[in-house]
Structure formats: structure tokens, C-alpha cells
């Protein structure tokens, strides 16, 4: 079964997504969704991605709670910046942050975390130097941002993935 359908959960998810995105629930739509889901699973199987190993699920849950709280706080901060245009002391900018994290899954999660929080965007990761280039909407204190990324996000991700 694994040879025919290498990722059964992905197949179901792709099929459900196809059905949800289409307006009609005709047999042709479902058949096309089945074929596209098979092709998507086979393409992923050809890539042979390495399995992610989550070493500390409790740390992952704690990190999830921190990220959700940070996204909430950041949403409010960005809304205040946008709704109060009279303050001219705001400045956006780019910040280069050295990272110790090298696991590709950990880096992908870090990219999702930093981009999901309003006001920040992952721009580039230089794997040779191990530096992250981050764009920040309200860059007041660079040291605080470096400390936040390294201690609040990178350290737990290293515990989870490395």
C-alpha cells in the first residue's frame, strides 16, 4: 500500500482541499481531485524528504503558546502603528541575526513563526554564515530583537529538532 500511496494522510488532505476549493461536487471534480492528490503524493515521494524528529513535544507545546501570544501582541502593536500615523519616531529596517540552528525543519518553523507575527518578515538565511536577515516594521531596539529571536524562538527550536 505504501508503494501505491506513499503519504495517505497527505492524499486525503489534498483531496479534501480540492473538493473544498471547487464549487461543485460532481463526479468529475472528485475524480480529478483523486488524480491530482495521487500525483502530488508521488511527486513528494520522489523528493524523498528526511523525516522530522520532534524530540521534545512539551517544549513544542510551550513554544506554540508563546508564539500565539506573540502574534496577538504583535497584531495589536501593528494596528496601533497603522491607526496612529502622527507618531513619526517609528522606523522600519533590516536586522541581521546570527543563528546556531541548522536543522532544516527547525529553520522552516522559525521562518513560519517570524513571518506569521505581524510586523516581521523573514527575508533571507545565509547558510554559509548562519545569519538570518529579518525585516522589522518597528525597529526600535536591535538588541531586544536579537535576544527575542535567539532566546524565545531559536533555543526551544534547537531543543525540539536538534
N, C-alpha and C. Protein backbone atom coordinates (compact mmCIF):
# COMPACT_ATOMS: atom_id res chain seq x y z
N UNK A 1 0.82 -1.21 0.00
CA UNK A 1 0.00 0.00 0.00
C UNK A 1 0.86 1.27 0.00
N UNK A 2 2.00 1.20 0.72
CA UNK A 2 2.88 2.37 0.80
C UNK A 2 3.47 2.70 -0.57
N UNK A 3 3.67 1.68 -1.39
CA UNK A 3 4.24 1.93 -2.71
C UNK A 3 3.22 2.64 -3.60
N UNK A 4 1.97 2.23 -3.51
CA UNK A 4 0.92 2.85 -4.31
C UNK A 4 0.56 4.24 -3.79
N UNK A 5 0.48 4.36 -2.48
CA UNK A 5 0.09 5.61 -1.84
C UNK A 5 1.09 5.92 -0.72
N UNK A 6 2.21 6.61 -1.03
CA UNK A 6 3.27 6.79 -0.03
C UNK A 6 2.88 7.67 1.15
N UNK A 7 1.99 8.63 0.96
CA UNK A 7 1.58 9.54 2.03
C UNK A 7 0.06 9.58 2.08
N UNK A 8 -0.57 8.63 2.77
CA UNK A 8 -2.04 8.57 2.75
C UNK A 8 -2.72 9.79 3.39
N UNK A 9 -2.16 10.32 4.47
CA UNK A 9 -2.78 11.49 5.10
C UNK A 9 -2.67 12.72 4.19
N UNK A 10 -1.55 12.87 3.52
CA UNK A 10 -1.39 13.96 2.57
C UNK A 10 -2.38 13.80 1.42
N UNK A 11 -2.58 12.57 0.96
CA UNK A 11 -3.52 12.31 -0.12
C UNK A 11 -4.93 12.74 0.28
N UNK A 12 -5.34 12.37 1.48
CA UNK A 12 -6.67 12.76 1.97
C UNK A 12 -6.77 14.28 2.09
N UNK A 13 -5.72 14.91 2.62
CA UNK A 13 -5.73 16.37 2.79
C UNK A 13 -5.81 17.07 1.45
N UNK A 14 -5.04 16.60 0.46
CA UNK A 14 -5.09 17.23 -0.86
C UNK A 14 -6.44 17.05 -1.53
N UNK A 15 -7.02 15.86 -1.38
CA UNK A 15 -8.34 15.61 -1.96
C UNK A 15 -9.39 16.51 -1.31
N UNK A 16 -9.37 16.59 0.01
CA UNK A 16 -10.33 17.46 0.71
C UNK A 16 -10.15 18.92 0.32
N UNK A 17 -8.91 19.36 0.20
CA UNK A 17 -8.65 20.73 -0.21
C UNK A 17 -9.19 20.99 -1.61
N UNK A 18 -9.00 20.04 -2.52
CA UNK A 18 -9.50 20.18 -3.89
C UNK A 18 -11.02 20.28 -3.89
N UNK A 19 -11.68 19.43 -3.12
CA UNK A 19 -13.14 19.44 -3.07
C UNK A 19 -13.64 20.74 -2.46
N UNK A 20 -12.98 21.23 -1.42
CA UNK A 20 -13.40 22.48 -0.79
C UNK A 20 -13.20 23.68 -1.69
N UNK A 21 -12.16 23.66 -2.51
CA UNK A 21 -11.88 24.80 -3.38
C UNK A 21 -12.77 24.85 -4.61
N UNK A 22 -13.39 23.74 -4.96
CA UNK A 22 -14.27 23.71 -6.12
C UNK A 22 -15.70 23.93 -5.69
N UNK A 23 -16.46 24.57 -6.55
CA UNK A 23 -17.85 24.90 -6.22
C UNK A 23 -18.78 23.71 -6.31
N UNK A 24 -18.52 22.82 -7.27
CA UNK A 24 -19.44 21.69 -7.46
C UNK A 24 -18.84 20.42 -6.88
N UNK A 25 -19.70 19.50 -6.55
CA UNK A 25 -19.28 18.22 -6.02
C UNK A 25 -19.65 17.13 -7.02
N UNK A 26 -19.26 17.34 -8.26
CA UNK A 26 -19.59 16.40 -9.32
C UNK A 26 -18.59 15.25 -9.33
N UNK A 27 -18.95 14.13 -9.95
CA UNK A 27 -18.01 13.00 -10.03
C UNK A 27 -16.70 13.36 -10.75
N UNK A 28 -16.78 14.22 -11.76
CA UNK A 28 -15.58 14.65 -12.46
C UNK A 28 -14.64 15.43 -11.57
N UNK A 29 -15.19 16.29 -10.72
CA UNK A 29 -14.37 17.07 -9.79
C UNK A 29 -13.68 16.16 -8.79
N UNK A 30 -14.41 15.20 -8.28
CA UNK A 30 -13.83 14.26 -7.30
C UNK A 30 -12.77 13.39 -7.97
N UNK A 31 -13.04 12.92 -9.19
CA UNK A 31 -12.06 12.09 -9.90
C UNK A 31 -10.79 12.87 -10.20
N UNK A 32 -10.93 14.10 -10.64
CA UNK A 32 -9.76 14.93 -10.89
C UNK A 32 -8.99 15.19 -9.59
N UNK A 33 -9.70 15.40 -8.49
CA UNK A 33 -9.05 15.59 -7.19
C UNK A 33 -8.28 14.36 -6.75
N UNK A 34 -8.83 13.17 -7.01
CA UNK A 34 -8.14 11.93 -6.68
C UNK A 34 -6.85 11.81 -7.48
N UNK A 35 -6.93 12.09 -8.77
CA UNK A 35 -5.73 12.01 -9.63
C UNK A 35 -4.69 13.03 -9.19
N UNK A 36 -5.10 14.27 -8.94
CA UNK A 36 -4.14 15.30 -8.52
C UNK A 36 -3.51 14.97 -7.17
N UNK A 37 -4.29 14.41 -6.26
CA UNK A 37 -3.75 14.02 -4.96
C UNK A 37 -2.72 12.91 -5.11
N UNK A 38 -3.00 11.91 -5.99
CA UNK A 38 -2.01 10.86 -6.26
C UNK A 38 -0.73 11.45 -6.84
N UNK A 39 -0.86 12.32 -7.82
CA UNK A 39 0.32 12.92 -8.45
C UNK A 39 1.12 13.73 -7.43
N UNK A 40 0.43 14.48 -6.59
CA UNK A 40 1.12 15.25 -5.55
C UNK A 40 1.88 14.37 -4.58
N UNK A 41 1.28 13.27 -4.17
CA UNK A 41 1.95 12.34 -3.25
C UNK A 41 3.15 11.68 -3.91
N UNK A 42 2.99 11.26 -5.16
CA UNK A 42 4.11 10.62 -5.86
C UNK A 42 5.26 11.61 -6.07
N UNK A 43 4.94 12.86 -6.38
CA UNK A 43 6.00 13.88 -6.55
C UNK A 43 6.75 14.08 -5.24
N UNK A 44 6.04 14.12 -4.14
CA UNK A 44 6.70 14.27 -2.85
C UNK A 44 7.55 13.04 -2.54
N UNK A 45 7.07 11.86 -2.90
CA UNK A 45 7.84 10.64 -2.66
C UNK A 45 9.13 10.64 -3.48
N UNK A 46 9.10 11.23 -4.68
CA UNK A 46 10.31 11.31 -5.50
C UNK A 46 11.36 12.23 -4.86
N UNK A 47 10.91 13.23 -4.11
CA UNK A 47 11.84 14.14 -3.44
C UNK A 47 12.54 13.48 -2.26
N UNK A 48 11.92 12.45 -1.69
CA UNK A 48 12.45 11.71 -0.54
C UNK A 48 12.86 12.63 0.61
N UNK A 49 11.91 13.37 1.17
CA UNK A 49 12.27 14.26 2.28
C UNK A 49 12.66 13.46 3.53
N UNK A 50 13.62 13.97 4.26
CA UNK A 50 14.02 13.33 5.51
C UNK A 50 12.92 13.49 6.54
N UNK A 51 12.81 12.52 7.41
CA UNK A 51 11.78 12.59 8.44
C UNK A 51 12.19 13.59 9.52
N UNK A 52 11.24 14.38 9.95
CA UNK A 52 11.49 15.30 11.06
C UNK A 52 11.35 14.54 12.36
N UNK A 53 12.25 14.78 13.27
CA UNK A 53 12.18 14.13 14.58
C UNK A 53 11.94 15.19 15.63
N UNK A 54 10.76 15.15 16.21
CA UNK A 54 10.42 16.07 17.29
C UNK A 54 10.86 15.41 18.58
N UNK A 55 11.87 15.98 19.20
CA UNK A 55 12.47 15.35 20.38
C UNK A 55 11.75 15.72 21.68
N UNK A 56 11.19 16.89 21.74
CA UNK A 56 10.55 17.35 22.98
C UNK A 56 9.18 17.94 22.69
N UNK A 57 8.13 17.12 22.71
CA UNK A 57 6.79 17.64 22.40
C UNK A 57 6.29 18.67 23.42
N UNK A 58 6.69 18.54 24.68
CA UNK A 58 6.25 19.51 25.69
C UNK A 58 6.83 20.89 25.40
N UNK A 59 8.07 20.95 24.95
CA UNK A 59 8.69 22.22 24.59
C UNK A 59 7.98 22.79 23.36
N UNK A 60 7.58 21.92 22.44
CA UNK A 60 6.86 22.39 21.24
C UNK A 60 5.51 23.00 21.62
N UNK A 61 4.82 22.40 22.57
CA UNK A 61 3.54 22.97 23.00
C UNK A 61 3.73 24.31 23.71
N UNK A 62 4.77 24.40 24.53
CA UNK A 62 5.06 25.68 25.21
C UNK A 62 5.43 26.75 24.19
N UNK A 63 6.21 26.37 23.18
CA UNK A 63 6.57 27.31 22.11
C UNK A 63 5.34 27.76 21.35
N UNK A 64 4.43 26.84 21.07
CA UNK A 64 3.19 27.20 20.38
C UNK A 64 2.40 28.24 21.17
N UNK A 65 2.30 28.06 22.47
CA UNK A 65 1.60 29.04 23.31
C UNK A 65 2.27 30.40 23.27
N UNK A 66 3.61 30.43 23.33
CA UNK A 66 4.34 31.69 23.27
C UNK A 66 4.14 32.37 21.92
N UNK A 67 4.17 31.58 20.85
CA UNK A 67 4.01 32.14 19.51
C UNK A 67 2.62 32.73 19.33
N UNK A 68 1.60 32.03 19.79
CA UNK A 68 0.23 32.56 19.67
C UNK A 68 0.07 33.86 20.46
N UNK A 69 0.66 33.91 21.66
CA UNK A 69 0.60 35.15 22.45
C UNK A 69 1.37 36.28 21.75
N UNK A 70 2.52 35.95 21.17
CA UNK A 70 3.31 36.97 20.47
C UNK A 70 2.59 37.48 19.22
N UNK A 71 1.92 36.59 18.51
CA UNK A 71 1.16 37.02 17.34
C UNK A 71 0.03 37.95 17.75
N UNK A 72 -0.63 37.65 18.85
CA UNK A 72 -1.70 38.51 19.35
C UNK A 72 -1.16 39.89 19.72
N UNK A 73 -0.07 39.92 20.49
CA UNK A 73 0.53 41.20 20.89
C UNK A 73 1.04 41.98 19.69
N UNK A 74 1.65 41.29 18.76
CA UNK A 74 2.18 41.95 17.58
C UNK A 74 1.06 42.51 16.71
N UNK A 75 -0.06 41.80 16.63
CA UNK A 75 -1.20 42.30 15.86
C UNK A 75 -1.71 43.61 16.43
N UNK A 76 -1.80 43.68 17.73
CA UNK A 76 -2.25 44.92 18.39
C UNK A 76 -1.24 46.03 18.16
N UNK A 77 0.05 45.73 18.29
CA UNK A 77 1.08 46.76 18.09
C UNK A 77 1.08 47.30 16.67
N UNK A 78 0.94 46.41 15.68
CA UNK A 78 0.90 46.86 14.29
C UNK A 78 -0.36 47.68 14.02
N UNK A 79 -1.48 47.26 14.59
CA UNK A 79 -2.72 48.03 14.42
C UNK A 79 -2.57 49.43 15.00
N UNK A 80 -1.93 49.55 16.15
CA UNK A 80 -1.71 50.87 16.74
C UNK A 80 -0.78 51.72 15.89
N UNK A 81 0.23 51.11 15.29
CA UNK A 81 1.13 51.85 14.41
C UNK A 81 0.37 52.38 13.20
N UNK A 82 -0.46 51.54 12.64
CA UNK A 82 -1.20 51.94 11.44
C UNK A 82 -2.27 52.97 11.76
N UNK A 83 -2.93 52.82 12.89
CA UNK A 83 -4.04 53.72 13.23
C UNK A 83 -3.59 55.04 13.85
N UNK A 84 -2.34 55.14 14.27
CA UNK A 84 -1.85 56.41 14.81
C UNK A 84 -0.69 56.91 13.97
N UNK A 85 -0.98 57.48 12.81
CA UNK A 85 0.09 57.90 11.90
C UNK A 85 0.83 59.16 12.34
N UNK A 86 0.38 59.81 13.42
CA UNK A 86 1.02 61.05 13.84
C UNK A 86 2.39 60.82 14.46
N UNK A 87 2.65 59.62 14.95
CA UNK A 87 3.94 59.33 15.56
C UNK A 87 4.98 59.12 14.47
N UNK A 88 5.97 59.97 14.44
CA UNK A 88 7.00 59.92 13.41
C UNK A 88 8.28 59.22 13.87
N UNK A 89 8.33 58.77 15.14
CA UNK A 89 9.56 58.16 15.64
C UNK A 89 9.66 56.68 15.29
N UNK A 90 8.75 56.16 14.54
CA UNK A 90 8.79 54.76 14.10
C UNK A 90 9.73 54.64 12.90
N UNK A 91 10.53 53.59 12.93
CA UNK A 91 11.36 53.34 11.76
C UNK A 91 11.43 51.84 11.52
N UNK A 92 11.30 51.48 10.28
CA UNK A 92 11.45 50.07 9.92
C UNK A 92 12.87 49.85 9.43
N UNK A 93 13.27 48.59 9.45
CA UNK A 93 14.62 48.30 8.99
C UNK A 93 14.91 46.82 8.93
N UNK A 94 16.10 46.53 8.45
CA UNK A 94 16.57 45.16 8.35
C UNK A 94 17.55 44.88 9.47
N UNK A 95 17.51 43.65 9.96
CA UNK A 95 18.39 43.25 11.06
C UNK A 95 18.99 41.89 10.73
N UNK A 96 20.30 41.79 10.87
CA UNK A 96 20.99 40.52 10.65
C UNK A 96 21.21 39.85 11.99
N UNK A 97 20.76 38.60 12.11
CA UNK A 97 20.83 37.88 13.37
C UNK A 97 21.62 36.58 13.15
N UNK A 98 22.70 36.36 13.91
CA UNK A 98 23.43 35.10 13.78
C UNK A 98 22.64 33.97 14.46
N UNK A 99 22.52 32.84 13.75
CA UNK A 99 21.77 31.70 14.29
C UNK A 99 22.68 30.49 14.46
N UNK A 100 22.40 29.71 15.49
CA UNK A 100 23.09 28.43 15.70
C UNK A 100 22.27 27.29 15.12
N UNK A 101 20.99 27.49 14.91
CA UNK A 101 20.08 26.47 14.42
C UNK A 101 20.43 26.12 12.97
N UNK A 102 20.60 24.82 12.69
CA UNK A 102 20.94 24.38 11.34
C UNK A 102 19.96 23.35 10.79
N UNK A 103 19.11 22.80 11.62
CA UNK A 103 18.14 21.80 11.17
C UNK A 103 17.16 22.44 10.19
N UNK A 104 16.96 21.84 9.01
CA UNK A 104 16.08 22.47 8.02
C UNK A 104 14.64 22.59 8.49
N UNK A 105 14.16 21.62 9.27
CA UNK A 105 12.79 21.72 9.78
C UNK A 105 12.69 22.81 10.85
N UNK A 106 13.70 22.92 11.68
CA UNK A 106 13.72 23.99 12.67
C UNK A 106 13.77 25.37 12.03
N UNK A 107 14.57 25.50 10.98
CA UNK A 107 14.65 26.78 10.26
C UNK A 107 13.32 27.09 9.57
N UNK A 108 12.65 26.07 9.05
CA UNK A 108 11.35 26.29 8.40
C UNK A 108 10.32 26.75 9.42
N UNK A 109 10.33 26.15 10.61
CA UNK A 109 9.39 26.56 11.65
C UNK A 109 9.71 27.98 12.12
N UNK A 110 10.99 28.29 12.26
CA UNK A 110 11.38 29.65 12.65
C UNK A 110 10.92 30.67 11.60
N UNK A 111 11.05 30.33 10.33
CA UNK A 111 10.58 31.22 9.26
C UNK A 111 9.08 31.43 9.37
N UNK A 112 8.34 30.37 9.64
CA UNK A 112 6.88 30.50 9.78
C UNK A 112 6.53 31.37 10.99
N UNK A 113 7.23 31.17 12.09
CA UNK A 113 6.95 31.95 13.30
C UNK A 113 7.20 33.43 13.05
N UNK A 114 8.37 33.75 12.50
CA UNK A 114 8.73 35.15 12.31
C UNK A 114 7.87 35.84 11.26
N UNK A 115 7.44 35.11 10.26
CA UNK A 115 6.61 35.71 9.22
C UNK A 115 5.16 35.79 9.64
N UNK A 116 4.71 34.88 10.51
CA UNK A 116 3.32 34.89 10.96
C UNK A 116 3.03 36.07 11.90
N UNK A 117 4.03 36.50 12.62
CA UNK A 117 3.84 37.64 13.52
C UNK A 117 3.80 38.92 12.70
N UNK A 118 2.72 39.67 12.77
CA UNK A 118 2.65 40.92 12.00
C UNK A 118 3.78 41.87 12.41
N UNK A 119 4.35 42.51 11.41
CA UNK A 119 5.42 43.47 11.67
C UNK A 119 6.81 42.91 11.44
N UNK A 120 6.92 41.60 11.22
CA UNK A 120 8.21 41.00 10.93
C UNK A 120 8.11 40.13 9.69
N UNK A 121 9.21 40.01 8.97
CA UNK A 121 9.25 39.16 7.78
C UNK A 121 10.64 38.56 7.62
N UNK A 122 10.68 37.25 7.47
CA UNK A 122 11.93 36.54 7.18
C UNK A 122 12.32 36.91 5.76
N UNK A 123 13.50 37.45 5.57
CA UNK A 123 13.93 37.89 4.25
C UNK A 123 14.89 36.88 3.63
N UNK A 124 15.91 36.48 4.39
CA UNK A 124 16.94 35.62 3.81
C UNK A 124 17.68 34.89 4.93
N UNK A 125 18.13 33.69 4.62
CA UNK A 125 19.02 32.97 5.52
C UNK A 125 20.27 32.60 4.75
N UNK A 126 21.40 33.06 5.22
CA UNK A 126 22.69 32.75 4.61
C UNK A 126 23.25 31.52 5.32
N UNK A 127 23.15 30.36 4.68
CA UNK A 127 23.57 29.12 5.34
C UNK A 127 25.09 29.05 5.53
N UNK A 128 25.85 29.72 4.68
CA UNK A 128 27.31 29.70 4.83
C UNK A 128 27.74 30.46 6.09
N UNK A 129 27.11 31.58 6.34
CA UNK A 129 27.44 32.39 7.52
C UNK A 129 26.56 32.06 8.72
N UNK A 130 25.40 31.46 8.47
CA UNK A 130 24.46 31.16 9.54
C UNK A 130 23.75 32.40 10.05
N UNK A 131 23.49 33.35 9.16
CA UNK A 131 22.82 34.58 9.57
C UNK A 131 21.46 34.70 8.92
N UNK A 132 20.55 35.26 9.67
CA UNK A 132 19.19 35.50 9.23
C UNK A 132 19.02 36.99 8.99
N UNK A 133 18.41 37.35 7.88
CA UNK A 133 18.08 38.74 7.61
C UNK A 133 16.59 38.89 7.83
N UNK A 134 16.23 39.75 8.75
CA UNK A 134 14.85 39.93 9.17
C UNK A 134 14.43 41.37 8.94
N UNK A 135 13.24 41.58 8.38
CA UNK A 135 12.70 42.93 8.24
C UNK A 135 11.73 43.16 9.38
N UNK A 136 11.86 44.31 10.03
CA UNK A 136 11.02 44.64 11.19
C UNK A 136 10.37 45.98 10.94
N UNK A 137 9.05 46.02 11.14
CA UNK A 137 8.28 47.23 10.90
C UNK A 137 8.65 48.34 11.87
N UNK A 138 8.81 48.00 13.14
CA UNK A 138 9.10 49.00 14.17
C UNK A 138 10.41 48.61 14.87
N UNK A 139 11.52 48.96 14.26
CA UNK A 139 12.84 48.57 14.76
C UNK A 139 13.35 49.65 15.70
N UNK A 140 13.05 49.50 16.99
CA UNK A 140 13.47 50.48 17.98
C UNK A 140 14.78 50.04 18.63
N UNK A 141 14.81 48.79 19.10
CA UNK A 141 15.98 48.29 19.83
C UNK A 141 16.44 46.98 19.18
N UNK A 142 17.57 47.02 18.49
CA UNK A 142 18.08 45.85 17.79
C UNK A 142 18.46 44.73 18.75
N UNK A 143 19.04 45.07 19.88
CA UNK A 143 19.48 44.05 20.84
C UNK A 143 18.29 43.26 21.39
N UNK A 144 17.17 43.94 21.59
CA UNK A 144 15.96 43.25 22.07
C UNK A 144 15.47 42.25 21.04
N UNK A 145 15.51 42.62 19.76
CA UNK A 145 15.06 41.72 18.71
C UNK A 145 15.98 40.51 18.60
N UNK A 146 17.30 40.73 18.67
CA UNK A 146 18.25 39.62 18.61
C UNK A 146 18.00 38.68 19.78
N UNK A 147 17.83 39.23 20.98
CA UNK A 147 17.57 38.42 22.17
C UNK A 147 16.25 37.65 22.03
N UNK A 148 15.23 38.30 21.49
CA UNK A 148 13.93 37.64 21.32
C UNK A 148 14.04 36.45 20.37
N UNK A 149 14.66 36.66 19.24
CA UNK A 149 14.76 35.58 18.25
C UNK A 149 15.61 34.44 18.79
N UNK A 150 16.76 34.77 19.39
CA UNK A 150 17.67 33.73 19.84
C UNK A 150 17.14 32.98 21.06
N UNK A 151 16.64 33.69 22.05
CA UNK A 151 16.24 33.03 23.29
C UNK A 151 14.80 32.54 23.30
N UNK A 152 13.92 33.30 22.68
CA UNK A 152 12.49 32.95 22.73
C UNK A 152 12.11 31.92 21.67
N UNK A 153 12.77 31.95 20.52
CA UNK A 153 12.39 31.05 19.43
C UNK A 153 13.48 30.04 19.08
N UNK A 154 14.72 30.50 18.89
CA UNK A 154 15.77 29.59 18.42
C UNK A 154 16.11 28.53 19.47
N UNK A 155 16.25 28.92 20.70
CA UNK A 155 16.64 27.95 21.74
C UNK A 155 15.61 26.82 21.88
N UNK A 156 14.29 27.11 21.97
CA UNK A 156 13.34 25.99 22.04
C UNK A 156 13.33 25.14 20.76
N UNK A 157 13.51 25.78 19.60
CA UNK A 157 13.54 25.00 18.36
C UNK A 157 14.76 24.08 18.31
N UNK A 158 15.86 24.50 18.86
CA UNK A 158 17.02 23.62 18.92
C UNK A 158 16.75 22.43 19.85
N UNK A 159 16.04 22.67 20.95
CA UNK A 159 15.66 21.56 21.84
C UNK A 159 14.72 20.60 21.14
N UNK A 160 13.84 21.12 20.30
CA UNK A 160 12.83 20.28 19.64
C UNK A 160 13.43 19.48 18.50
N UNK A 161 14.26 20.09 17.67
CA UNK A 161 14.71 19.45 16.44
C UNK A 161 16.15 18.95 16.44
N UNK A 162 17.03 19.44 17.29
CA UNK A 162 18.43 19.01 17.23
C UNK A 162 18.78 18.11 18.38
